[in-house]
Amino acid sequence: SGINAEWGLKVNIKKTAVLVFNASGRKLLESESLVYGNMVIPSVREYCYLGTTFSISGSMKANQAQLRMKGLRAYFSLKSAIDLSSIDKAAILKLFDSLILPVISYGCQVWLPRTQLMKCLADNTKKADKEILSAIAQDPMENLHLSLLKWTLGVRKRTANIPIWGDTGRCPIGMEMTKLLVDFLNRLVLLDTADSPQIVRHPGRNGHSALIPLL
């Protein structure tokens, strides 16, 4: 607080919280709480920082759920504003890539390696194609992507996924996110090691090292 007073800075306690990552998911005890001035900073299980929700256990499921909800709102807004009979299907897909994909892929360089999808793809054990395709389709973001594709084609929700990808010429959006992740890692590798973030010096702590065989 002394530094803040010296520089004339004020801390917004309402937007400040303590989150200590631990596998057990336990918050700090009251006796271990941090105090700023005469105010106790609350300990939380989840905290949204720059649009990305971090959980105390290190899981990124809550963040994925938040992004998917935002994507769904954008998706339903798109559906309510468009008459399929008056617009080309290619234009609808372009709208998805422009309006919805940036929403659901936000910050994927951080959370993508910790998803069940990437863990399945990076698994060293050989998996059947059917098992891999099932994991891709069950991914929350790809599920939203498939919903839009099936709506665009005018087919039922239970229609097989492979023909949908084929007929639209689309790939699972996890591939697009993986490109963003690879570009991000390449930029970090080019940084000077002494000045680079922890992700470069200790890749095993964030899950990125598991992607090396996949990449």
Protein backbone atom coordinates (compact mmCIF):
# COMPACT_ATOMS: atom_id res chain seq x y z
CA SER A 1 0.00 0.00 0.00
CA GLY A 2 2.98 2.32 0.59
CA ILE A 3 3.96 2.17 -3.08
CA ASN A 4 0.40 2.89 -4.17
CA ALA A 5 0.21 5.91 -1.89
CA GLU A 6 3.56 7.16 -3.19
CA TRP A 7 2.40 6.98 -6.80
CA GLY A 8 -1.16 8.09 -6.14
CA LEU A 9 -2.66 4.74 -7.09
CA LYS A 10 -5.85 3.25 -5.68
CA VAL A 11 -6.72 -0.45 -5.51
CA ASN A 12 -10.32 -1.37 -6.34
CA ILE A 13 -10.97 -3.98 -3.64
CA LYS A 14 -14.29 -4.90 -5.28
CA LYS A 15 -12.35 -6.23 -8.27
CA THR A 16 -9.48 -7.71 -6.25
CA ALA A 17 -9.37 -11.28 -4.97
CA VAL A 18 -6.92 -13.97 -3.93
CA LEU A 19 -6.79 -17.28 -5.79
CA VAL A 20 -4.14 -19.83 -4.78
CA PHE A 21 -3.94 -22.73 -7.23
CA ASN A 22 -4.10 -26.14 -5.57
CA ALA A 23 -5.33 -29.55 -6.67
CA SER A 24 -7.65 -29.93 -3.66
CA GLY A 25 -9.64 -26.83 -4.63
CA ARG A 26 -9.55 -25.35 -1.13
CA LYS A 27 -9.68 -21.63 -0.49
CA LEU A 28 -7.38 -19.86 1.96
CA LEU A 29 -8.36 -20.01 5.61
CA GLU A 30 -9.50 -16.74 7.18
CA SER A 31 -6.37 -16.77 9.34
CA GLU A 32 -4.26 -16.82 6.15
CA SER A 33 -6.18 -14.08 4.33
CA LEU A 34 -4.31 -11.20 2.77
CA VAL A 35 -4.96 -7.71 4.11
CA TYR A 36 -4.62 -4.46 2.19
CA GLY A 37 -4.62 -1.52 4.57
CA ASN A 38 -7.46 -2.37 6.91
CA MET A 39 -9.41 -4.34 4.31
CA VAL A 40 -9.34 -8.13 3.93
CA ILE A 41 -8.96 -9.32 0.34
CA PRO A 42 -11.40 -12.21 -0.20
CA SER A 43 -10.25 -15.68 -1.27
CA VAL A 44 -12.18 -17.10 -4.23
CA ARG A 45 -12.47 -20.36 -6.20
CA GLU A 46 -12.72 -18.66 -9.58
CA TYR A 47 -11.45 -15.34 -10.92
CA CYS A 48 -11.87 -13.72 -14.31
CA TYR A 49 -8.70 -11.99 -15.47
CA LEU A 50 -8.65 -10.21 -18.82
CA GLY A 51 -11.62 -12.24 -20.03
CA THR A 52 -10.25 -15.64 -18.98
CA THR A 53 -11.74 -17.45 -15.97
CA PHE A 54 -9.20 -19.27 -13.81
CA SER A 55 -10.27 -21.94 -11.32
CA ILE A 56 -8.53 -22.73 -8.05
CA SER A 57 -7.90 -26.34 -9.12
CA GLY A 58 -6.22 -25.25 -12.36
CA SER A 59 -9.06 -26.63 -14.49
CA MET A 60 -10.20 -24.49 -17.41
CA LYS A 61 -13.68 -26.05 -17.67
CA ALA A 62 -15.35 -23.00 -16.12
CA ASN A 63 -13.64 -20.77 -18.66
CA GLN A 64 -14.78 -22.98 -21.53
CA ALA A 65 -18.33 -22.91 -20.19
CA GLN A 66 -18.26 -19.11 -20.01
CA LEU A 67 -16.92 -18.76 -23.55
CA ARG A 68 -19.47 -21.24 -24.86
CA MET A 69 -22.31 -19.27 -23.26
CA LYS A 70 -21.02 -16.10 -24.91
CA GLY A 71 -20.75 -17.98 -28.20
CA LEU A 72 -24.30 -19.30 -27.82
CA ARG A 73 -25.66 -15.80 -27.31
CA ALA A 74 -23.89 -14.65 -30.46
CA TYR A 75 -25.12 -17.77 -32.28
CA PHE A 76 -28.79 -17.24 -31.35
CA SER A 77 -28.54 -13.57 -32.24
CA LEU A 78 -27.24 -14.61 -35.65
CA LYS A 79 -30.07 -17.13 -36.10
CA SER A 80 -32.73 -14.59 -35.19
CA ALA A 81 -31.36 -12.02 -37.63
CA ILE A 82 -30.88 -14.25 -40.67
CA ASP A 83 -33.35 -15.81 -43.06
CA LEU A 84 -31.66 -18.91 -44.49
CA SER A 85 -33.67 -18.67 -47.69
CA SER A 86 -32.27 -15.23 -48.49
CA ILE A 87 -28.56 -15.66 -47.82
CA ASP A 88 -25.86 -17.90 -49.23
CA LYS A 89 -24.63 -20.66 -46.90
CA ALA A 90 -21.02 -19.68 -47.50
CA ALA A 91 -21.87 -16.21 -46.21
CA ILE A 92 -23.33 -17.68 -43.02
CA LEU A 93 -20.13 -19.63 -42.38
CA LYS A 94 -18.13 -16.48 -42.98
CA LEU A 95 -20.29 -14.69 -40.42
CA PHE A 96 -19.57 -17.49 -37.95
CA ASP A 97 -15.83 -17.12 -38.49
CA SER A 98 -16.08 -13.34 -38.09
CA LEU A 99 -18.56 -13.00 -35.22
CA ILE A 100 -18.59 -16.21 -33.18
CA LEU A 101 -15.22 -17.92 -33.63
CA PRO A 102 -13.25 -14.99 -32.10
CA VAL A 103 -15.54 -15.16 -29.06
CA ILE A 104 -15.22 -18.88 -28.32
CA SER A 105 -11.50 -19.02 -29.14
CA TYR A 106 -10.57 -16.04 -26.96
CA GLY A 107 -7.42 -16.81 -24.95
CA CYS A 108 -7.20 -20.35 -26.37
CA GLN A 109 -3.40 -20.10 -26.24
CA VAL A 110 -3.77 -20.41 -22.46
CA TRP A 111 -6.65 -22.83 -21.95
CA LEU A 112 -6.56 -25.09 -25.04
CA PRO A 113 -3.75 -27.41 -23.79
CA ARG A 114 -5.79 -28.22 -20.69
CA THR A 115 -8.93 -29.33 -22.52
CA GLN A 116 -10.01 -32.95 -22.73
CA LEU A 117 -9.83 -32.70 -26.51
CA MET A 118 -6.12 -31.84 -26.58
CA LYS A 119 -5.33 -34.37 -23.87
CA CYS A 120 -6.99 -37.03 -26.03
CA LEU A 121 -5.12 -35.99 -29.17
CA ALA A 122 -1.78 -35.79 -27.33
CA ASP A 123 -2.23 -39.21 -25.74
CA ASN A 124 0.66 -41.45 -26.79
CA THR A 125 -1.52 -44.57 -26.82
CA LYS A 126 -3.08 -45.40 -30.16
CA LYS A 127 -6.77 -44.57 -30.29
CA ALA A 128 -9.34 -45.70 -32.82
CA ASP A 129 -10.48 -43.07 -35.34
CA LYS A 130 -14.00 -43.37 -33.98
CA GLU A 131 -12.80 -42.54 -30.46
CA ILE A 132 -10.87 -39.49 -31.65
CA LEU A 133 -13.81 -38.19 -33.72
CA SER A 134 -16.09 -38.69 -30.73
CA ALA A 135 -13.74 -36.64 -28.53
CA ILE A 136 -13.68 -33.87 -31.13
CA ALA A 137 -17.48 -33.76 -31.44
CA GLN A 138 -17.94 -33.70 -27.65
CA ASP A 139 -15.73 -30.65 -27.24
CA PRO A 140 -18.01 -27.75 -26.12
CA MET A 141 -16.74 -25.39 -28.80
CA GLU A 142 -16.95 -27.93 -31.61
CA ASN A 143 -20.44 -28.88 -30.45
CA LEU A 144 -21.49 -25.27 -31.01
CA HIS A 145 -19.74 -25.26 -34.39
CA LEU A 146 -21.57 -28.42 -35.48
CA SER A 147 -24.90 -26.98 -34.33
CA LEU A 148 -24.46 -24.02 -36.67
CA LEU A 149 -23.35 -26.24 -39.55
CA LYS A 150 -26.39 -28.51 -39.18
CA TRP A 151 -28.71 -25.50 -38.91
CA THR A 152 -27.14 -24.03 -42.04
CA LEU A 153 -27.62 -27.27 -43.98
CA GLY A 154 -31.15 -27.74 -42.65
CA VAL A 155 -30.54 -31.23 -41.23
CA ARG A 156 -31.39 -32.79 -37.88
CA LYS A 157 -29.19 -32.41 -34.82
CA ARG A 158 -28.63 -36.18 -34.71
CA THR A 159 -27.17 -36.25 -38.22
CA ALA A 160 -23.71 -37.86 -38.35
CA ASN A 161 -20.90 -35.34 -37.96
CA ILE A 162 -18.43 -36.56 -40.61
CA PRO A 163 -20.77 -35.83 -43.57
CA ILE A 164 -21.44 -32.39 -42.08
CA TRP A 165 -17.74 -31.52 -42.02
CA GLY A 166 -17.37 -32.94 -45.53
CA ASP A 167 -20.38 -31.24 -47.14
CA THR A 168 -19.44 -27.83 -45.75
CA GLY A 169 -15.71 -28.23 -46.39
CA ARG A 170 -15.06 -27.32 -42.77
CA CYS A 171 -12.56 -28.66 -40.26
CA PRO A 172 -13.08 -28.87 -36.49
CA ILE A 173 -12.41 -25.44 -35.03
CA GLY A 174 -9.92 -27.05 -32.65
CA MET A 175 -7.55 -27.07 -35.63
CA GLU A 176 -7.88 -23.29 -36.02
CA MET A 177 -7.24 -22.83 -32.32
CA THR A 178 -4.22 -25.12 -32.51
CA LYS A 179 -2.73 -22.85 -35.20
CA LEU A 180 -3.11 -19.90 -32.82
CA LEU A 181 -1.48 -21.92 -30.05
CA VAL A 182 1.48 -22.93 -32.24
CA ASP A 183 2.05 -19.31 -33.32
CA PHE A 184 1.96 -18.28 -29.67
CA LEU A 185 4.50 -20.92 -28.63
CA ASN A 186 6.78 -20.03 -31.55
CA ARG A 187 6.81 -16.39 -30.46
CA LEU A 188 7.69 -17.39 -26.91
CA VAL A 189 10.52 -19.64 -28.06
CA LEU A 190 12.07 -16.69 -29.89
CA LEU A 191 12.15 -14.68 -26.68
CA ASP A 192 15.31 -14.47 -24.62
CA THR A 193 15.03 -17.24 -22.01
CA ALA A 194 16.05 -15.02 -19.09
CA ASP A 195 13.29 -12.52 -19.86
CA SER A 196 10.65 -14.96 -21.04
CA PRO A 197 7.55 -15.96 -19.05
CA GLN A 198 7.32 -19.09 -16.92
CA ILE A 199 5.61 -20.87 -19.82
CA VAL A 200 8.95 -21.00 -21.67
CA ARG A 201 11.23 -21.86 -18.75
CA HIS A 202 8.85 -24.38 -17.17
CA PRO A 203 6.54 -25.71 -19.93
CA GLY A 204 5.58 -28.76 -17.89
CA ARG A 205 3.71 -26.62 -15.37
CA ASN A 206 1.06 -25.43 -17.79
CA GLY A 207 0.36 -28.48 -19.95
CA HIS A 208 2.00 -27.19 -23.12
CA SER A 209 4.81 -29.76 -22.99
CA ALA A 210 2.28 -32.53 -23.54
CA LEU A 211 1.52 -31.06 -26.97
CA ILE A 212 5.06 -31.38 -28.30
CA PRO A 213 4.52 -34.94 -29.71
CA LEU A 214 1.27 -33.75 -31.30
CA LEU A 215 2.77 -30.64 -32.87
